[in-house]
Amino acid sequence: MHKKVAVITRTKNRPLLLQRCVQSVLNQTYYDWFHVIVNDGGDPATVEGVVARFANRYHGRVKIIHNETSLGMQNASNLGIRATESEYITIHDDDDSWHG
């Protein structure tokens, strides 16, 4: 999905932080974005579970990439960036929060 802004989130086995991060992204007043979540070697079921709780608010604007093993922060970021066609990119890690 082509959106103006790609939000790249790197995470690994931190479901509470990921949930807060997802809520932060979804609470924005700007809507032309796509969220790429890169699970960098963590439990896939945990990430899928967090995102599933918000599926009705995402409206198809999310993609999850699961790495079997950790690639590290920079490589995980690059993987997320390559998964988008957006004009702008921002990194919003699982321990980050934005205010609407």
C-alpha atoms as a PDB file:
ATOM      1  CA  MET A   1       0.000   0.000   0.000  1.00  0.00           C
ATOM      2  CA  HIS A   2       1.403   3.368  -1.027  1.00  0.00           C
ATOM      3  CA  LYS A   3       1.004   6.071   1.607  1.00  0.00           C
ATOM      4  CA  LYS A   4       2.837   9.382   1.964  1.00  0.00           C
ATOM      5  CA  VAL A   5       4.537   8.436   5.270  1.00  0.00           C
ATOM      6  CA  ALA A   6       5.946   5.069   6.319  1.00  0.00           C
ATOM      7  CA  VAL A   7       6.264   4.503  10.057  1.00  0.00           C
ATOM      8  CA  ILE A   8       8.921   1.872  10.760  1.00  0.00           C
ATOM      9  CA  THR A   9       8.824   0.134  14.146  1.00  0.00           C
ATOM     10  CA  ARG A  10      11.462  -2.314  15.325  1.00  0.00           C
ATOM     11  CA  THR A  11      10.513  -4.650  18.143  1.00  0.00           C
ATOM     12  CA  LYS A  12      11.571  -7.844  19.877  1.00  0.00           C
ATOM     13  CA  ASN A  13       9.645  -9.522  22.708  1.00  0.00           C
ATOM     14  CA  ARG A  14       8.288  -6.311  24.253  1.00  0.00           C
ATOM     15  CA  PRO A  15       4.505  -6.611  23.851  1.00  0.00           C
ATOM     16  CA  LEU A  16       3.575  -3.929  26.383  1.00  0.00           C
ATOM     17  CA  LEU A  17       5.836  -1.388  24.730  1.00  0.00           C
ATOM     18  CA  LEU A  18       4.653  -2.453  21.265  1.00  0.00           C
ATOM     19  CA  GLN A  19       1.040  -1.991  22.312  1.00  0.00           C
ATOM     20  CA  ARG A  20       1.775   1.530  23.558  1.00  0.00           C
ATOM     21  CA  CYS A  21       3.647   2.278  20.330  1.00  0.00           C
ATOM     22  CA  VAL A  22       0.761   1.027  18.162  1.00  0.00           C
ATOM     23  CA  GLN A  23      -1.708   3.145  20.111  1.00  0.00           C
ATOM     24  CA  SER A  24       0.573   6.152  19.670  1.00  0.00           C
ATOM     25  CA  VAL A  25       0.679   5.684  15.884  1.00  0.00           C
ATOM     26  CA  LEU A  26      -3.064   5.064  15.625  1.00  0.00           C
ATOM     27  CA  ASN A  27      -3.887   8.164  17.683  1.00  0.00           C
ATOM     28  CA  GLN A  28      -2.330  10.545  15.161  1.00  0.00           C
ATOM     29  CA  THR A  29      -4.579  13.032  13.402  1.00  0.00           C
ATOM     30  CA  TYR A  30      -2.687  12.660  10.099  1.00  0.00           C
ATOM     31  CA  TYR A  31      -3.946   9.578   8.249  1.00  0.00           C
ATOM     32  CA  ASP A  32      -1.793   9.163   5.109  1.00  0.00           C
ATOM     33  CA  TRP A  33       0.630   6.696   6.687  1.00  0.00           C
ATOM     34  CA  PHE A  34       1.489   3.007   6.592  1.00  0.00           C
ATOM     35  CA  HIS A  35       2.944   1.148   9.593  1.00  0.00           C
ATOM     36  CA  VAL A  36       5.698  -1.429   9.051  1.00  0.00           C
ATOM     37  CA  ILE A  37       6.490  -3.445  12.165  1.00  0.00           C
ATOM     38  CA  VAL A  38       9.735  -5.395  12.028  1.00  0.00           C
ATOM     39  CA  ASN A  39       9.789  -8.198  14.580  1.00  0.00           C
ATOM     40  CA  ASP A  40      13.537  -8.654  14.894  1.00  0.00           C
ATOM     41  CA  GLY A  41      13.867 -12.228  16.129  1.00  0.00           C
ATOM     42  CA  GLY A  42      11.080 -12.172  18.708  1.00  0.00           C
ATOM     43  CA  ASP A  43       8.040 -14.412  19.102  1.00  0.00           C
ATOM     44  CA  PRO A  44       5.828 -13.925  16.017  1.00  0.00           C
ATOM     45  CA  ALA A  45       2.630 -14.877  17.860  1.00  0.00           C
ATOM     46  CA  THR A  46       3.155 -12.094  20.394  1.00  0.00           C
ATOM     47  CA  VAL A  47       3.509  -9.397  17.717  1.00  0.00           C
ATOM     48  CA  GLU A  48       0.602 -10.764  15.691  1.00  0.00           C
ATOM     49  CA  GLY A  49      -1.537 -10.779  18.839  1.00  0.00           C
ATOM     50  CA  VAL A  50      -0.795  -7.153  19.682  1.00  0.00           C
ATOM     51  CA  VAL A  51      -1.519  -5.985  16.131  1.00  0.00           C
ATOM     52  CA  ALA A  52      -4.686  -8.102  15.879  1.00  0.00           C
ATOM     53  CA  ARG A  53      -6.203  -6.180  18.798  1.00  0.00           C
ATOM     54  CA  PHE A  54      -6.032  -3.023  16.666  1.00  0.00           C
ATOM     55  CA  ALA A  55      -6.913  -4.458  13.241  1.00  0.00           C
ATOM     56  CA  ASN A  56     -10.188  -2.528  13.005  1.00  0.00           C
ATOM     57  CA  ARG A  57      -8.328   0.771  13.512  1.00  0.00           C
ATOM     58  CA  TYR A  58      -5.501   0.032  11.086  1.00  0.00           C
ATOM     59  CA  HIS A  59      -7.817  -0.280   8.073  1.00  0.00           C
ATOM     60  CA  GLY A  60      -5.174  -2.326   6.253  1.00  0.00           C
ATOM     61  CA  ARG A  61      -2.361   0.171   6.910  1.00  0.00           C
ATOM     62  CA  VAL A  62       0.009  -2.266   8.626  1.00  0.00           C
ATOM     63  CA  LYS A  63       2.553  -4.841   7.549  1.00  0.00           C
ATOM     64  CA  ILE A  64       4.477  -7.133   9.885  1.00  0.00           C
ATOM     65  CA  ILE A  65       7.854  -8.534   8.937  1.00  0.00           C
ATOM     66  CA  HIS A  66       9.162 -11.410  11.056  1.00  0.00           C
ATOM     67  CA  ASN A  67      12.901 -12.099  11.187  1.00  0.00           C
ATOM     68  CA  GLU A  68      13.735 -15.588  12.447  1.00  0.00           C
ATOM     69  CA  THR A  69      16.849 -14.233  14.135  1.00  0.00           C
ATOM     70  CA  SER A  70      17.787 -10.712  15.121  1.00  0.00           C
ATOM     71  CA  LEU A  71      19.416  -8.666  12.371  1.00  0.00           C
ATOM     72  CA  GLY A  72      20.192  -5.710  14.637  1.00  0.00           C
ATOM     73  CA  MET A  73      18.648  -2.246  14.742  1.00  0.00           C
ATOM     74  CA  GLN A  74      20.089  -0.826  11.533  1.00  0.00           C
ATOM     75  CA  ASN A  75      19.406  -3.911   9.423  1.00  0.00           C
ATOM     76  CA  ALA A  76      15.883  -4.235  10.802  1.00  0.00           C
ATOM     77  CA  SER A  77      15.285  -0.571   9.952  1.00  0.00           C
ATOM     78  CA  ASN A  78      16.573  -1.058   6.428  1.00  0.00           C
ATOM     79  CA  LEU A  79      14.349  -4.103   5.955  1.00  0.00           C
ATOM     80  CA  GLY A  80      11.328  -2.055   7.003  1.00  0.00           C
ATOM     81  CA  ILE A  81      12.304   0.831   4.744  1.00  0.00           C
ATOM     82  CA  ARG A  82      12.685  -1.477   1.748  1.00  0.00           C
ATOM     83  CA  ALA A  83       9.142  -2.763   2.394  1.00  0.00           C
ATOM     84  CA  THR A  84       7.625   0.659   1.624  1.00  0.00           C
ATOM     85  CA  GLU A  85       7.125   2.972  -1.309  1.00  0.00           C
ATOM     86  CA  SER A  86       6.392   6.028   0.807  1.00  0.00           C
ATOM     87  CA  GLU A  87       7.719   9.493   0.143  1.00  0.00           C
ATOM     88  CA  TYR A  88       8.668  10.038   3.795  1.00  0.00           C
ATOM     89  CA  ILE A  89       9.937   7.601   6.415  1.00  0.00           C
ATOM     90  CA  THR A  90      10.076   7.867  10.167  1.00  0.00           C
ATOM     91  CA  ILE A  91      11.478   5.441  12.725  1.00  0.00           C
ATOM     92  CA  HIS A  92       9.150   4.924  15.672  1.00  0.00           C
ATOM     93  CA  ASP A  93      10.575   2.152  17.856  1.00  0.00           C
ATOM     94  CA  ASP A  94       8.467   0.130  20.235  1.00  0.00           C
ATOM     95  CA  ASP A  95       9.610   2.235  23.196  1.00  0.00           C
ATOM     96  CA  ASP A  96       8.680   5.537  21.513  1.00  0.00           C
ATOM     97  CA  SER A  97       5.449   7.503  21.925  1.00  0.00           C
ATOM     98  CA  TRP A  98       3.915  10.345  19.964  1.00  0.00           C
ATOM     99  CA  HIS A  99       1.170  12.636  21.050  1.00  0.00           C
ATOM    100  CA  GLY A 100      -1.757  13.281  18.681  1.00  0.00           C
END
